[in-house]
Amino acid sequence: MSELNKDSSATELVATNEDRFVDPGLPAHKLRMSDKDPKAAKRAELQVVFFFLVSIVGTIASLVVFFTIRPDGTTESVRNSNYALGISIAFALLGIGIAAVHWAKALMSDHEVIDERHPLESSAEDREAAVAELAAGVKDSNIERRTLLKGSVVTALALFPLTIAVPLVANVGSDWDVSKFRKTLWKKGVRLTTDPNGRPVKAADVTVGSVVHIIPEATEEERQSHHWITEKAKAVVLLVRLDPKDLKESEERKSWSYDGIVAYSKICTHVGCPVALYEQQTHHLLCPCHQSTFDVADGAKVVFGPAKRPLPQLPIAVDDEGYLVAQDDFNEPIGPSYWERLK
């Protein structure tokens, strides 16, 4: 078919489609109850104001909670403080969200409009028309006459940032001693226990290919203290047993393992996520956050991903009763990089 015939066929097809499909245009506008009944509009306005007031109360409550319900070092107090703070902030944000949605659906103009396409660069006349339309929208929403509504929305939006700003400002001057990352709860003779029940681990009970999540041994009273919980987060360990012939150990680290059992920090050296996915066939540990991969058989060196350093190793041994114990703390600071880090 020639190009001329193709063009003619296309033109005929367009013409046929235009005859067959008629632009239906916009459907007839349906008035809402708030459009027809002033009392319904007033009820909707009061409902919006109510939810903004909920937000205001939630914001004030979050500030009261932050300054009055302070953790005293116990697990229960930390949990209660977080619950109270989270619930109050939820009301502060939820109130604004519900109020905004209800306002838009019940009070703002809902007339359907068609915005014709135009060049990106607007003329002066178009800009003047846009300003006029905005002014008409404000007039149509009756916001100028709804002083109660204006006051509630301004107050809610003005107060809500305090739920974030006050805790941030209050924490200025907190403990920024990064040297604490150099030391953990591990020290010579501390037994390796299972996480979370704290049961000591015997070397004989760890089979080849198995993985055990480890925390330092502590008394029940210590385990309930806020200090121990905080320090435990830095001391978590992943214990893996390999066939000794699969291990690639430097001379200085040959005494750090026991009969194929090695222990490494669970805290990824990228951004601190928990490294806990073990692939037995390849001896690889995977961080689920950003897929950094470490080779347990070769000093937990990085084989893939954004991490730049191997996982710190915990030197281990066996005591007289056959239980696994730490020889010392980790060989280097745990976790991701930070300022003043020497290694």
Protein backbone atom coordinates (compact mmCIF):
# COMPACT_ATOMS: atom_id res chain seq x y z
CA MET A 1 0.00 0.00 0.00
CA SER A 2 1.37 3.43 -0.90
CA GLU A 3 2.05 6.12 1.69
CA LEU A 4 -0.83 8.17 0.27
CA ASN A 5 -3.28 5.31 0.70
CA LYS A 6 -2.04 4.73 4.27
CA ASP A 7 -2.61 8.38 5.19
CA SER A 8 -6.07 8.30 3.63
CA SER A 9 -7.00 5.15 5.56
CA ALA A 10 -5.79 6.65 8.84
CA THR A 11 -7.79 9.82 8.25
CA GLU A 12 -10.92 7.83 7.46
CA LEU A 13 -10.43 5.73 10.62
CA VAL A 14 -10.10 8.83 12.81
CA ALA A 15 -13.18 10.36 11.25
CA THR A 16 -15.12 7.12 11.75
CA ASN A 17 -14.06 6.94 15.43
CA GLU A 18 -15.06 10.56 16.00
CA ASP A 19 -18.51 9.79 14.60
CA ARG A 20 -18.81 6.62 16.67
CA PHE A 21 -17.51 7.90 20.05
CA VAL A 22 -18.93 11.16 21.34
CA ASP A 23 -17.19 12.98 24.16
CA PRO A 24 -19.60 12.55 27.07
CA GLY A 25 -18.23 15.60 28.88
CA LEU A 26 -18.53 15.99 32.62
CA PRO A 27 -21.44 14.34 34.44
CA ALA A 28 -24.08 16.51 36.04
CA HIS A 29 -22.85 17.92 39.31
CA LYS A 30 -24.47 16.40 42.41
CA LEU A 31 -24.89 18.66 45.38
CA ARG A 32 -23.73 17.38 48.76
CA MET A 33 -25.83 17.68 51.89
CA SER A 34 -23.55 20.46 53.09
CA ASP A 35 -24.21 22.32 49.83
CA LYS A 36 -27.99 22.14 50.22
CA ASP A 37 -28.43 22.50 53.97
CA PRO A 38 -26.65 25.25 55.95
CA LYS A 39 -27.14 23.22 59.13
CA ALA A 40 -25.36 20.25 57.54
CA ALA A 41 -22.53 22.53 56.49
CA LYS A 42 -22.25 23.82 60.05
CA ARG A 43 -22.19 20.25 61.41
CA ALA A 44 -19.42 19.35 58.98
CA GLU A 45 -17.47 22.42 60.02
CA LEU A 46 -17.80 21.51 63.70
CA GLN A 47 -16.70 17.93 62.94
CA VAL A 48 -13.57 19.26 61.23
CA VAL A 49 -12.91 21.55 64.18
CA PHE A 50 -13.36 18.61 66.55
CA PHE A 51 -10.64 16.59 64.80
CA PHE A 52 -8.29 19.56 64.78
CA LEU A 53 -8.93 19.83 68.52
CA VAL A 54 -8.08 16.14 68.85
CA SER A 55 -4.77 16.92 67.17
CA ILE A 56 -4.15 19.85 69.50
CA VAL A 57 -4.87 17.73 72.57
CA GLY A 58 -2.64 14.97 71.21
CA THR A 59 0.24 17.40 70.72
CA ILE A 60 -0.11 18.82 74.22
CA ALA A 61 -0.38 15.29 75.64
CA SER A 62 2.81 14.22 73.86
CA LEU A 63 4.70 17.13 75.46
CA VAL A 64 3.31 16.27 78.90
CA VAL A 65 4.24 12.61 78.42
CA PHE A 66 7.74 13.49 77.25
CA PHE A 67 8.49 15.51 80.36
CA THR A 68 6.58 13.50 82.99
CA ILE A 69 6.70 9.82 82.01
CA ARG A 70 10.45 9.39 81.88
CA PRO A 71 12.19 5.97 81.80
CA ASP A 72 13.81 5.17 85.14
CA GLY A 73 16.10 2.43 83.85
CA THR A 74 13.69 -0.52 83.92
CA THR A 75 12.28 -2.32 80.88
CA GLU A 76 8.71 -1.63 81.99
CA SER A 77 9.29 2.13 82.31
CA VAL A 78 10.87 2.32 78.84
CA ARG A 79 7.93 0.41 77.37
CA ASN A 80 5.32 2.56 79.13
CA SER A 81 7.04 5.78 78.09
CA ASN A 82 7.22 4.68 74.44
CA TYR A 83 3.58 3.55 74.46
CA ALA A 84 2.32 6.82 75.94
CA LEU A 85 4.45 8.96 73.62
CA GLY A 86 3.50 6.95 70.54
CA ILE A 87 -0.24 7.03 71.28
CA SER A 88 -0.28 10.79 71.94
CA ILE A 89 1.67 11.58 68.74
CA ALA A 90 -0.64 9.24 66.81
CA PHE A 91 -3.67 11.27 67.94
CA ALA A 92 -1.85 14.51 67.06
CA LEU A 93 -1.16 13.37 63.51
CA LEU A 94 -4.36 11.39 62.98
CA GLY A 95 -6.50 14.35 64.02
CA ILE A 96 -4.91 16.57 61.38
CA GLY A 97 -5.26 13.86 58.72
CA ILE A 98 -8.95 13.10 59.38
CA ALA A 99 -9.81 16.80 59.64
CA ALA A 100 -8.10 17.59 56.34
CA VAL A 101 -9.87 14.75 54.52
CA HIS A 102 -13.30 15.59 55.95
CA TRP A 103 -12.79 19.27 55.21
CA ALA A 104 -11.93 18.52 51.59
CA LYS A 105 -14.87 16.14 51.10
CA ALA A 106 -17.58 18.09 52.92
CA LEU A 107 -16.70 21.79 52.80
CA MET A 108 -14.30 22.57 49.96
CA SER A 109 -15.60 23.09 46.46
CA ASP A 110 -16.16 19.80 44.64
CA HIS A 111 -17.12 21.15 41.23
CA GLU A 112 -15.52 19.20 38.42
CA VAL A 113 -13.33 21.29 36.16
CA ILE A 114 -11.31 20.73 33.02
CA ASP A 115 -7.84 22.22 32.89
CA GLU A 116 -6.89 22.71 29.28
CA ARG A 117 -3.28 22.04 28.32
CA HIS A 118 -1.22 25.13 27.68
CA PRO A 119 2.43 26.04 27.09
CA LEU A 120 4.71 25.73 30.12
CA GLU A 121 5.45 29.42 30.08
CA SER A 122 2.35 31.27 31.23
CA SER A 123 1.45 34.70 30.04
CA ALA A 124 0.76 37.59 32.36
CA GLU A 125 -2.95 37.19 31.69
CA ASP A 126 -2.79 33.49 32.67
CA ARG A 127 -1.01 34.30 35.90
CA GLU A 128 -3.59 36.92 36.75
CA ALA A 129 -6.32 34.39 35.99
CA ALA A 130 -4.67 31.80 38.26
CA VAL A 131 -4.53 34.27 41.14
CA ALA A 132 -8.16 35.12 40.53
CA GLU A 133 -9.11 31.44 40.59
CA LEU A 134 -7.28 30.93 43.87
CA ALA A 135 -9.10 33.89 45.35
CA ALA A 136 -12.38 32.48 44.05
CA GLY A 137 -11.55 29.13 45.64
CA VAL A 138 -10.93 30.77 49.01
CA LYS A 139 -14.21 32.66 48.68
CA ASP A 140 -16.06 29.51 47.60
CA SER A 141 -14.81 27.57 50.64
CA ASN A 142 -16.12 30.33 52.96
CA ILE A 143 -12.89 30.06 54.95
CA GLU A 144 -12.91 33.80 55.63
CA ARG A 145 -16.26 33.55 57.44
CA ARG A 146 -15.39 30.36 59.32
CA THR A 147 -13.21 31.88 62.02
CA LEU A 148 -13.51 28.85 64.31
CA LEU A 149 -12.31 26.56 61.55
CA LYS A 150 -9.42 28.89 60.73
CA GLY A 151 -8.36 29.06 64.34
CA SER A 152 -8.43 25.30 64.84
CA VAL A 153 -6.45 24.44 61.72
CA VAL A 154 -3.82 27.12 62.39
CA THR A 155 -3.44 26.02 66.00
CA ALA A 156 -3.22 22.31 65.14
CA LEU A 157 -0.66 22.83 62.38
CA ALA A 158 1.35 25.25 64.49
CA LEU A 159 1.50 22.96 67.52
CA PHE A 160 2.13 19.61 65.81
CA PRO A 161 5.82 20.28 64.95
CA LEU A 162 6.44 20.53 68.70
CA THR A 163 5.95 16.74 68.96
CA ILE A 164 9.17 16.37 66.96
CA ALA A 165 11.05 19.55 67.81
CA VAL A 166 10.82 19.34 71.62
CA PRO A 167 12.34 15.82 71.94
CA LEU A 168 15.09 16.81 69.50
CA VAL A 169 15.93 20.01 71.40
CA ALA A 170 15.65 18.25 74.76
CA ASN A 171 18.21 15.67 73.64
CA VAL A 172 20.79 18.31 72.71
CA GLY A 173 23.74 17.80 75.01
CA SER A 174 23.06 14.09 75.46
CA ASP A 175 25.82 11.57 75.78
CA TRP A 176 27.82 11.59 72.53
CA ASP A 177 30.80 9.66 73.89
CA VAL A 178 31.56 7.47 70.88
CA SER A 179 34.40 5.77 72.76
CA LYS A 180 31.73 3.58 74.36
CA PHE A 181 31.51 1.68 71.08
CA ARG A 182 35.06 0.44 71.66
CA LYS A 183 33.99 -1.72 74.61
CA THR A 184 31.08 -4.12 75.18
CA LEU A 185 29.91 -6.44 77.97
CA TRP A 186 32.30 -9.13 76.77
CA LYS A 187 35.40 -9.74 78.85
CA LYS A 188 37.62 -12.65 79.81
CA GLY A 189 35.67 -15.60 81.26
CA VAL A 190 32.13 -14.38 80.44
CA ARG A 191 30.08 -17.33 79.25
CA LEU A 192 28.26 -17.34 75.94
CA THR A 193 24.50 -17.78 76.48
CA THR A 194 21.57 -18.17 74.12
CA ASP A 195 19.47 -15.17 73.20
CA PRO A 196 16.95 -14.48 74.69
CA ASN A 197 16.71 -17.09 77.49
CA GLY A 198 20.32 -16.80 78.68
CA ARG A 199 21.17 -20.52 78.71
CA PRO A 200 24.95 -21.23 78.73
CA VAL A 201 26.22 -23.02 75.62
CA LYS A 202 28.44 -26.09 75.70
CA ALA A 203 30.80 -26.58 72.79
CA ALA A 204 29.72 -30.21 72.50
CA ASP A 205 26.10 -29.13 71.89
CA VAL A 206 26.95 -27.01 68.84
CA THR A 207 26.81 -29.16 65.71
CA VAL A 208 28.54 -28.45 62.40
CA GLY A 209 26.42 -26.10 60.31
CA SER A 210 24.38 -24.81 63.23
CA VAL A 211 23.95 -21.14 64.11
CA VAL A 212 23.25 -19.81 67.61
CA HIS A 213 22.29 -16.25 68.61
CA ILE A 214 24.42 -15.32 71.62
CA ILE A 215 24.40 -12.75 74.43
CA PRO A 216 26.73 -12.39 77.45
CA GLU A 217 25.83 -14.24 80.64
CA ALA A 218 24.07 -12.12 83.26
CA THR A 219 21.90 -12.52 86.33
CA GLU A 220 18.13 -12.12 86.08
CA GLU A 221 18.34 -8.83 87.93
CA GLU A 222 20.99 -7.50 85.53
CA ARG A 223 18.92 -8.60 82.52
CA GLN A 224 16.02 -6.39 83.67
CA SER A 225 18.09 -3.22 83.99
CA HIS A 226 17.98 -0.54 81.33
CA HIS A 227 21.78 -0.32 81.34
CA TRP A 228 22.21 -4.01 80.56
CA ILE A 229 19.60 -3.92 77.80
CA THR A 230 21.38 -0.98 76.19
CA GLU A 231 24.79 -2.63 76.46
CA LYS A 232 23.40 -5.98 75.26
CA ALA A 233 22.51 -4.34 71.95
CA LYS A 234 26.23 -3.81 71.30
CA ALA A 235 27.29 -7.29 72.46
CA VAL A 236 25.01 -9.55 70.38
CA VAL A 237 26.92 -12.34 68.66
CA LEU A 238 26.32 -14.99 66.03
CA LEU A 239 27.97 -18.33 66.82
CA VAL A 240 28.63 -20.70 63.92
CA ARG A 241 30.28 -24.12 63.80
CA LEU A 242 32.10 -25.18 60.63
CA ASP A 243 34.21 -28.12 59.71
CA PRO A 244 37.68 -27.02 60.99
CA LYS A 245 39.24 -27.78 57.61
CA ASP A 246 36.98 -25.15 56.00
CA LEU A 247 38.28 -22.35 58.20
CA LYS A 248 40.81 -19.90 56.78
CA GLU A 249 42.47 -18.34 59.81
CA SER A 250 45.48 -16.08 60.10
CA GLU A 251 48.18 -17.10 62.55
CA GLU A 252 47.07 -14.51 65.12
CA ARG A 253 43.46 -15.73 65.02
CA LYS A 254 43.95 -19.49 65.16
CA SER A 255 43.48 -19.39 68.93
CA TRP A 256 40.29 -17.31 68.67
CA SER A 257 38.08 -20.23 67.59
CA TYR A 258 37.42 -23.63 69.14
CA ASP A 259 37.21 -26.82 67.06
CA GLY A 260 35.58 -24.98 64.13
CA ILE A 261 33.35 -22.76 66.31
CA VAL A 262 33.66 -19.05 65.55
CA ALA A 263 31.83 -16.04 66.98
CA TYR A 264 31.24 -12.73 65.19
CA SER A 265 29.36 -9.54 65.99
CA LYS A 266 25.81 -9.52 64.61
CA ILE A 267 25.97 -5.78 63.96
CA CYS A 268 26.63 -5.03 60.30
CA THR A 269 29.60 -2.76 59.65
CA HIS A 270 27.58 -0.85 57.05
CA VAL A 271 24.78 0.89 59.01
CA GLY A 272 24.32 -1.42 62.01
CA CYS A 273 21.52 -3.76 60.92
CA PRO A 274 21.42 -7.29 62.43
CA VAL A 275 23.34 -9.78 60.30
CA ALA A 276 21.51 -13.05 60.86
CA LEU A 277 20.94 -14.94 57.59
CA TYR A 278 23.39 -17.84 57.29
CA GLU A 279 23.93 -19.90 54.14
CA GLN A 280 25.47 -23.20 55.23
CA GLN A 281 26.86 -24.34 51.89
CA THR A 282 28.81 -21.15 51.16
CA HIS A 283 29.44 -20.14 54.80
CA HIS A 284 28.08 -16.69 53.97
CA LEU A 285 26.30 -14.34 56.37
CA LEU A 286 23.83 -11.93 54.78
CA CYS A 287 22.63 -8.59 56.13
CA PRO A 288 18.93 -8.29 55.14
CA CYS A 289 18.97 -4.48 55.04
CA HIS A 290 21.37 -3.82 52.16
CA GLN A 291 22.62 -7.32 51.26
CA SER A 292 26.15 -6.96 52.59
CA THR A 293 27.59 -10.49 52.62
CA PHE A 294 30.36 -11.81 54.88
CA ASP A 295 32.38 -15.02 54.61
CA VAL A 296 32.37 -16.72 58.03
CA ALA A 297 35.01 -19.21 56.91
CA ASP A 298 37.44 -16.42 56.07
CA GLY A 299 37.40 -13.96 58.95
CA ALA A 300 33.91 -12.65 58.10
CA LYS A 301 35.42 -10.63 55.25
CA VAL A 302 33.07 -8.72 52.95
CA VAL A 303 32.37 -10.59 49.71
CA PHE A 304 29.46 -8.47 48.48
CA GLY A 305 27.55 -5.31 49.28
CA PRO A 306 28.20 -1.83 50.65
CA ALA A 307 29.92 -2.85 53.92
CA LYS A 308 33.62 -1.96 53.93
CA ARG A 309 34.97 -3.91 56.92
CA PRO A 310 34.73 -7.51 58.18
CA LEU A 311 32.53 -8.27 61.16
CA PRO A 312 34.49 -7.97 64.43
CA GLN A 313 35.40 -11.37 65.86
CA LEU A 314 34.92 -12.42 69.47
CA PRO A 315 37.79 -14.65 70.67
CA ILE A 316 36.34 -17.70 72.42
CA ALA A 317 37.54 -20.70 74.43
CA VAL A 318 36.09 -23.48 76.60
CA ASP A 319 36.11 -23.49 80.41
CA ASP A 320 36.65 -26.48 82.71
CA GLU A 321 32.97 -27.46 82.46
CA GLY A 322 32.94 -27.45 78.66
CA TYR A 323 31.03 -24.16 78.31
CA LEU A 324 32.04 -21.60 75.71
CA VAL A 325 33.49 -18.42 77.19
CA ALA A 326 34.96 -15.20 75.84
CA GLN A 327 38.73 -14.76 75.90
CA ASP A 328 38.33 -11.00 75.74
CA ASP A 329 36.21 -8.29 74.10
CA PHE A 330 35.85 -7.96 70.31
CA ASN A 331 39.07 -7.40 68.41
CA GLU A 332 37.84 -3.94 67.26
CA PRO A 333 34.90 -1.53 67.81
CA ILE A 334 31.59 -3.00 66.66
CA GLY A 335 29.13 -1.53 64.19
CA PRO A 336 29.40 1.02 61.37
CA SER A 337 32.01 3.72 60.97
CA TYR A 338 31.94 6.82 63.14
CA TRP A 339 34.17 9.80 63.79
CA GLU A 340 37.29 9.22 65.87
CA ARG A 341 37.35 5.55 64.95
CA LEU A 342 40.93 4.28 64.80
CA LYS A 343 40.22 1.04 62.91
